[in-house]
């Protein structure tokens, strides 16, 4: 009898560990998504400010950094890189920016559409 109880407890403990790990991963995903949205908002505001000051869109992210509209290239927290951004080019200038991360966010939309 005792060995059956121990096996059951052991299985229950294993399931608890799995559940805790999954919950921890979803918190990380949410934190990455919040950071991604904030990084996109910051860059988009910088693009808008650059456009207001220069009557054109910046050529790329590097121009925003070189002209001090951004301190540094932002990191896409989903890819953990600063070179996976996908610029939306209109009339030769970067009009918008999207994540280059594969997959979908917790809301079911592709990161690339953010």
N, C-alpha and C. Protein backbone atom coordinates (compact mmCIF):
# COMPACT_ATOMS: atom_id res chain seq x y z
N UNK A 1 0.81 -1.19 0.00
CA UNK A 1 0.00 0.00 0.00
C UNK A 1 0.85 1.26 0.00
N UNK A 2 1.87 1.30 0.84
CA UNK A 2 2.67 2.51 0.92
C UNK A 2 3.36 2.79 -0.40
N UNK A 3 3.86 1.77 -1.09
CA UNK A 3 4.56 2.01 -2.34
C UNK A 3 3.61 2.58 -3.39
N UNK A 4 2.34 2.19 -3.36
CA UNK A 4 1.37 2.76 -4.30
C UNK A 4 1.14 4.24 -4.00
N UNK A 5 1.07 4.58 -2.74
CA UNK A 5 0.88 5.98 -2.34
C UNK A 5 2.08 6.80 -2.77
N UNK A 6 3.28 6.27 -2.58
CA UNK A 6 4.47 6.98 -2.99
C UNK A 6 4.52 7.19 -4.49
N UNK A 7 4.11 6.18 -5.26
CA UNK A 7 4.08 6.32 -6.71
C UNK A 7 3.08 7.40 -7.11
N UNK A 8 1.94 7.39 -6.49
CA UNK A 8 0.92 8.39 -6.80
C UNK A 8 1.43 9.77 -6.46
N UNK A 9 2.04 9.90 -5.27
CA UNK A 9 2.58 11.20 -4.87
C UNK A 9 3.69 11.64 -5.82
N UNK A 10 4.51 10.67 -6.24
CA UNK A 10 5.60 10.97 -7.16
C UNK A 10 5.04 11.46 -8.49
N UNK A 11 3.99 10.81 -8.98
CA UNK A 11 3.36 11.25 -10.24
C UNK A 11 2.75 12.63 -10.07
N UNK A 12 2.09 12.84 -8.96
CA UNK A 12 1.47 14.14 -8.72
C UNK A 12 2.53 15.23 -8.64
N UNK A 13 3.65 14.92 -7.98
CA UNK A 13 4.72 15.90 -7.86
C UNK A 13 5.30 16.21 -9.24
N UNK A 14 5.47 15.19 -10.07
CA UNK A 14 5.98 15.39 -11.43
C UNK A 14 5.04 16.27 -12.24
N UNK A 15 3.74 16.06 -12.11
CA UNK A 15 2.77 16.88 -12.83
C UNK A 15 2.82 18.32 -12.33
N UNK A 16 3.01 18.50 -11.04
CA UNK A 16 3.12 19.86 -10.50
C UNK A 16 4.33 20.57 -11.07
N UNK A 17 5.42 19.86 -11.18
CA UNK A 17 6.63 20.47 -11.74
C UNK A 17 6.40 20.86 -13.19
N UNK A 18 5.76 20.00 -13.95
CA UNK A 18 5.46 20.30 -15.36
C UNK A 18 4.55 21.51 -15.44
N UNK A 19 3.53 21.55 -14.62
CA UNK A 19 2.60 22.67 -14.63
C UNK A 19 3.31 23.96 -14.28
N UNK A 20 4.16 23.94 -13.27
CA UNK A 20 4.89 25.14 -12.88
C UNK A 20 5.82 25.60 -14.00
N UNK A 21 6.46 24.65 -14.66
CA UNK A 21 7.35 25.01 -15.75
C UNK A 21 6.56 25.66 -16.89
N UNK A 22 5.43 25.11 -17.24
CA UNK A 22 4.62 25.69 -18.31
C UNK A 22 4.13 27.07 -17.93
N UNK A 23 3.71 27.25 -16.71
CA UNK A 23 3.26 28.57 -16.27
C UNK A 23 4.41 29.57 -16.32
N UNK A 24 5.59 29.14 -15.94
CA UNK A 24 6.76 30.01 -15.98
C UNK A 24 7.07 30.43 -17.40
N UNK A 25 7.00 29.50 -18.36
CA UNK A 25 7.27 29.82 -19.75
C UNK A 25 6.26 30.81 -20.29
N UNK A 26 4.99 30.69 -19.92
CA UNK A 26 3.99 31.62 -20.44
C UNK A 26 4.22 33.02 -19.88
N UNK A 27 4.74 33.12 -18.67
CA UNK A 27 5.06 34.44 -18.12
C UNK A 27 6.20 35.08 -18.90
N UNK A 28 7.18 34.26 -19.27
CA UNK A 28 8.29 34.76 -20.07
C UNK A 28 7.76 35.23 -21.42
N UNK A 29 6.89 34.44 -22.05
CA UNK A 29 6.32 34.82 -23.33
C UNK A 29 5.57 36.15 -23.21
N UNK A 30 4.79 36.30 -22.17
CA UNK A 30 4.05 37.55 -21.99
C UNK A 30 5.00 38.73 -21.80
N UNK A 31 6.06 38.52 -21.04
CA UNK A 31 7.04 39.59 -20.83
C UNK A 31 7.71 39.95 -22.14
N UNK A 32 8.04 38.96 -22.96
CA UNK A 32 8.64 39.22 -24.27
C UNK A 32 7.66 39.99 -25.15
N UNK A 33 6.40 39.62 -25.11
CA UNK A 33 5.41 40.31 -25.93
C UNK A 33 5.22 41.76 -25.49
N UNK A 34 5.20 41.99 -24.20
CA UNK A 34 5.07 43.36 -23.69
C UNK A 34 6.28 44.18 -24.13
N UNK A 35 7.47 43.61 -24.01
CA UNK A 35 8.69 44.31 -24.42
C UNK A 35 8.70 44.55 -25.92
N UNK A 36 8.26 43.57 -26.70
CA UNK A 36 8.19 43.74 -28.16
C UNK A 36 7.26 44.88 -28.52
N UNK A 37 6.09 44.92 -27.92
CA UNK A 37 5.14 46.00 -28.21
C UNK A 37 5.73 47.35 -27.83
N UNK A 38 6.41 47.42 -26.70
CA UNK A 38 7.02 48.68 -26.26
C UNK A 38 8.14 49.10 -27.21
N UNK A 39 8.98 48.15 -27.63
CA UNK A 39 10.06 48.47 -28.57
C UNK A 39 9.49 48.98 -29.90
N UNK A 40 8.44 48.34 -30.38
CA UNK A 40 7.80 48.79 -31.63
C UNK A 40 7.22 50.19 -31.46
N UNK A 41 6.59 50.45 -30.34
CA UNK A 41 6.02 51.77 -30.09
C UNK A 41 7.11 52.84 -30.06
N UNK A 42 8.22 52.54 -29.40
CA UNK A 42 9.33 53.48 -29.31
C UNK A 42 9.89 53.79 -30.70
N UNK A 43 10.11 52.75 -31.51
CA UNK A 43 10.65 52.97 -32.85
C UNK A 43 9.66 53.73 -33.71
N UNK A 44 8.39 53.37 -33.64
CA UNK A 44 7.38 54.07 -34.44
C UNK A 44 7.27 55.54 -34.05
N UNK A 45 7.36 55.83 -32.76
CA UNK A 45 7.37 57.23 -32.33
C UNK A 45 8.61 57.96 -32.86
N UNK A 46 9.74 57.27 -32.88
CA UNK A 46 10.98 57.86 -33.41
C UNK A 46 10.86 58.13 -34.91
N UNK A 47 10.25 57.20 -35.64
CA UNK A 47 10.02 57.40 -37.07
C UNK A 47 9.13 58.63 -37.29
N UNK A 48 8.07 58.74 -36.51
CA UNK A 48 7.15 59.88 -36.63
C UNK A 48 7.86 61.20 -36.32
N UNK A 49 8.68 61.20 -35.28
CA UNK A 49 9.40 62.42 -34.91
C UNK A 49 10.41 62.80 -35.98
N UNK A 50 11.12 61.80 -36.50
CA UNK A 50 12.08 62.04 -37.58
C UNK A 50 11.36 62.65 -38.78
N UNK A 51 10.22 62.07 -39.13
CA UNK A 51 9.44 62.57 -40.27
C UNK A 51 8.98 64.01 -40.04
N UNK A 52 8.55 64.31 -38.85
CA UNK A 52 8.11 65.68 -38.53
C UNK A 52 9.26 66.67 -38.64
N UNK A 53 10.46 66.25 -38.27
CA UNK A 53 11.62 67.14 -38.30
C UNK A 53 12.26 67.26 -39.68
N UNK A 54 12.17 66.22 -40.50
CA UNK A 54 12.90 66.19 -41.77
C UNK A 54 12.01 66.10 -43.01
N UNK A 55 10.69 66.02 -42.82
CA UNK A 55 9.73 65.92 -43.93
C UNK A 55 9.99 64.71 -44.83
N UNK A 56 10.54 63.66 -44.24
CA UNK A 56 10.74 62.39 -44.94
C UNK A 56 10.92 61.30 -43.88
N UNK A 57 10.77 60.07 -44.31
CA UNK A 57 11.01 58.94 -43.41
C UNK A 57 12.50 58.62 -43.38
N UNK A 58 13.00 58.07 -42.27
CA UNK A 58 14.41 57.66 -42.23
C UNK A 58 14.65 56.51 -43.19
N UNK A 59 15.87 56.39 -43.65
CA UNK A 59 16.21 55.32 -44.58
C UNK A 59 16.14 53.95 -43.90
N UNK A 60 16.55 53.91 -42.63
CA UNK A 60 16.59 52.64 -41.90
C UNK A 60 16.77 52.92 -40.41
N UNK A 61 16.86 51.86 -39.63
CA UNK A 61 17.06 52.00 -38.19
C UNK A 61 18.40 52.68 -37.87
N UNK A 62 19.41 52.37 -38.66
CA UNK A 62 20.73 52.95 -38.41
C UNK A 62 20.67 54.48 -38.49
N UNK A 63 19.86 55.03 -39.39
CA UNK A 63 19.75 56.48 -39.48
C UNK A 63 19.09 57.06 -38.23
N UNK A 64 18.14 56.34 -37.66
CA UNK A 64 17.52 56.81 -36.42
C UNK A 64 18.53 56.84 -35.28
N UNK A 65 19.44 55.87 -35.27
CA UNK A 65 20.48 55.85 -34.24
C UNK A 65 21.51 56.95 -34.52
N UNK A 66 21.95 57.06 -35.76
CA UNK A 66 22.97 58.06 -36.12
C UNK A 66 22.50 59.49 -35.85
N UNK A 67 21.21 59.73 -36.00
CA UNK A 67 20.67 61.08 -35.79
C UNK A 67 20.09 61.25 -34.38
N UNK A 68 20.34 60.28 -33.53
CA UNK A 68 19.99 60.32 -32.10
C UNK A 68 18.49 60.31 -31.81
N UNK A 69 17.70 59.76 -32.72
CA UNK A 69 16.28 59.55 -32.43
C UNK A 69 16.12 58.26 -31.62
N UNK A 70 17.10 57.37 -31.73
CA UNK A 70 17.20 56.17 -30.89
C UNK A 70 18.63 56.13 -30.35
N UNK A 71 18.78 55.67 -29.12
CA UNK A 71 20.12 55.54 -28.55
C UNK A 71 20.89 54.37 -29.16
N UNK A 72 20.15 53.29 -29.42
CA UNK A 72 20.77 52.09 -29.98
C UNK A 72 19.71 51.30 -30.72
N UNK A 73 20.17 50.35 -31.51
CA UNK A 73 19.21 49.48 -32.19
C UNK A 73 18.46 48.67 -31.15
N UNK A 74 17.15 48.66 -31.23
CA UNK A 74 16.39 47.87 -30.26
C UNK A 74 16.53 46.38 -30.56
N UNK A 75 16.39 45.59 -29.53
CA UNK A 75 16.42 44.14 -29.67
C UNK A 75 14.99 43.63 -29.74
N UNK A 76 14.75 42.74 -30.69
CA UNK A 76 13.46 42.05 -30.73
C UNK A 76 13.53 40.97 -29.65
N UNK A 77 12.76 41.09 -28.59
CA UNK A 77 12.90 40.15 -27.47
C UNK A 77 12.47 38.72 -27.81
N UNK A 78 11.72 38.55 -28.87
CA UNK A 78 11.30 37.19 -29.25
C UNK A 78 12.46 36.47 -29.94
N UNK A 79 13.19 37.18 -30.81
CA UNK A 79 14.34 36.57 -31.49
C UNK A 79 15.64 36.79 -30.72
N UNK A 80 15.62 37.73 -29.77
CA UNK A 80 16.78 38.11 -28.98
C UNK A 80 17.91 38.65 -29.86
N UNK A 81 17.51 39.36 -30.94
CA UNK A 81 18.48 39.93 -31.88
C UNK A 81 18.02 41.31 -32.30
N UNK A 82 18.95 42.11 -32.78
CA UNK A 82 18.60 43.45 -33.25
C UNK A 82 18.59 43.54 -34.78
N UNK A 83 18.80 42.42 -35.46
CA UNK A 83 18.86 42.44 -36.92
C UNK A 83 17.74 41.64 -37.59
N UNK A 84 16.68 41.37 -36.85
CA UNK A 84 15.57 40.60 -37.44
C UNK A 84 14.34 41.47 -37.72
N UNK A 85 14.45 42.77 -37.49
CA UNK A 85 13.33 43.67 -37.76
C UNK A 85 13.04 43.70 -39.25
N UNK A 86 11.78 43.90 -39.60
CA UNK A 86 11.37 43.99 -41.00
C UNK A 86 10.80 45.38 -41.23
N UNK A 87 11.57 46.24 -41.92
CA UNK A 87 11.08 47.59 -42.18
C UNK A 87 10.02 47.60 -43.28
N UNK A 88 9.08 48.48 -43.15
CA UNK A 88 8.08 48.71 -44.20
C UNK A 88 8.55 49.95 -44.95
N UNK A 89 9.02 49.74 -46.17
CA UNK A 89 9.59 50.83 -46.96
C UNK A 89 8.51 51.42 -47.87
N UNK A 90 8.36 52.74 -47.80
CA UNK A 90 7.44 53.49 -48.65
C UNK A 90 8.20 54.67 -49.22
N UNK A 91 8.20 54.78 -50.54
CA UNK A 91 8.90 55.89 -51.21
C UNK A 91 10.35 56.01 -50.77
N UNK A 92 11.03 54.88 -50.60
CA UNK A 92 12.45 54.87 -50.26
C UNK A 92 12.79 55.08 -48.80
N UNK A 93 11.79 55.25 -47.95
CA UNK A 93 12.05 55.46 -46.53
C UNK A 93 11.34 54.43 -45.67
N UNK A 94 11.85 54.25 -44.46
CA UNK A 94 11.24 53.30 -43.53
C UNK A 94 10.02 53.97 -42.89
N UNK A 95 8.86 53.54 -43.33
CA UNK A 95 7.61 54.12 -42.86
C UNK A 95 7.08 53.44 -41.60
N UNK A 96 7.44 52.18 -41.42
CA UNK A 96 6.98 51.40 -40.27
C UNK A 96 7.96 50.27 -40.04
N UNK A 97 7.78 49.56 -38.97
CA UNK A 97 8.66 48.46 -38.60
C UNK A 97 7.82 47.33 -38.01
N UNK A 98 8.21 46.09 -38.34
CA UNK A 98 7.52 44.91 -37.80
C UNK A 98 8.55 43.94 -37.27
N UNK A 99 8.10 43.06 -36.40
CA UNK A 99 8.97 42.02 -35.87
C UNK A 99 9.24 41.00 -36.97
N UNK A 100 10.44 40.48 -36.97
CA UNK A 100 10.79 39.41 -37.89
C UNK A 100 10.72 38.05 -37.22
N UNK A 101 10.15 38.01 -36.03
CA UNK A 101 10.08 36.76 -35.28
C UNK A 101 9.07 35.80 -35.91
N UNK A 102 9.39 34.53 -35.96
CA UNK A 102 8.42 33.55 -36.44
C UNK A 102 7.38 33.29 -35.35
N UNK A 103 6.27 32.74 -35.74
CA UNK A 103 5.27 32.32 -34.76
C UNK A 103 4.22 33.38 -34.51
N UNK A 104 3.40 33.05 -33.53
CA UNK A 104 2.26 33.90 -33.19
C UNK A 104 2.32 34.30 -31.72
N UNK A 105 1.73 35.44 -31.43
CA UNK A 105 1.63 35.91 -30.07
C UNK A 105 0.51 35.21 -29.33
N UNK A 106 0.35 35.53 -28.07
CA UNK A 106 -0.68 34.90 -27.25
C UNK A 106 -2.08 35.24 -27.74
N UNK A 107 -2.22 36.31 -28.54
CA UNK A 107 -3.53 36.67 -29.08
C UNK A 107 -3.82 35.96 -30.41
N UNK A 108 -2.88 35.14 -30.87
CA UNK A 108 -3.07 34.36 -32.09
C UNK A 108 -2.64 35.07 -33.36
N UNK A 109 -2.18 36.31 -33.28
CA UNK A 109 -1.73 37.02 -34.47
C UNK A 109 -0.24 36.81 -34.66
N UNK A 110 0.21 36.74 -35.91
CA UNK A 110 1.65 36.57 -36.15
C UNK A 110 2.44 37.77 -35.63
N UNK A 111 3.60 37.49 -35.04
CA UNK A 111 4.46 38.59 -34.59
C UNK A 111 4.78 39.55 -35.73
N UNK A 112 4.89 39.00 -36.95
CA UNK A 112 5.24 39.81 -38.11
C UNK A 112 4.18 40.85 -38.43
N UNK A 113 2.97 40.69 -37.90
CA UNK A 113 1.92 41.66 -38.19
C UNK A 113 1.86 42.75 -37.13
N UNK A 114 2.68 42.64 -36.10
CA UNK A 114 2.65 43.63 -35.02
C UNK A 114 3.34 44.90 -35.45
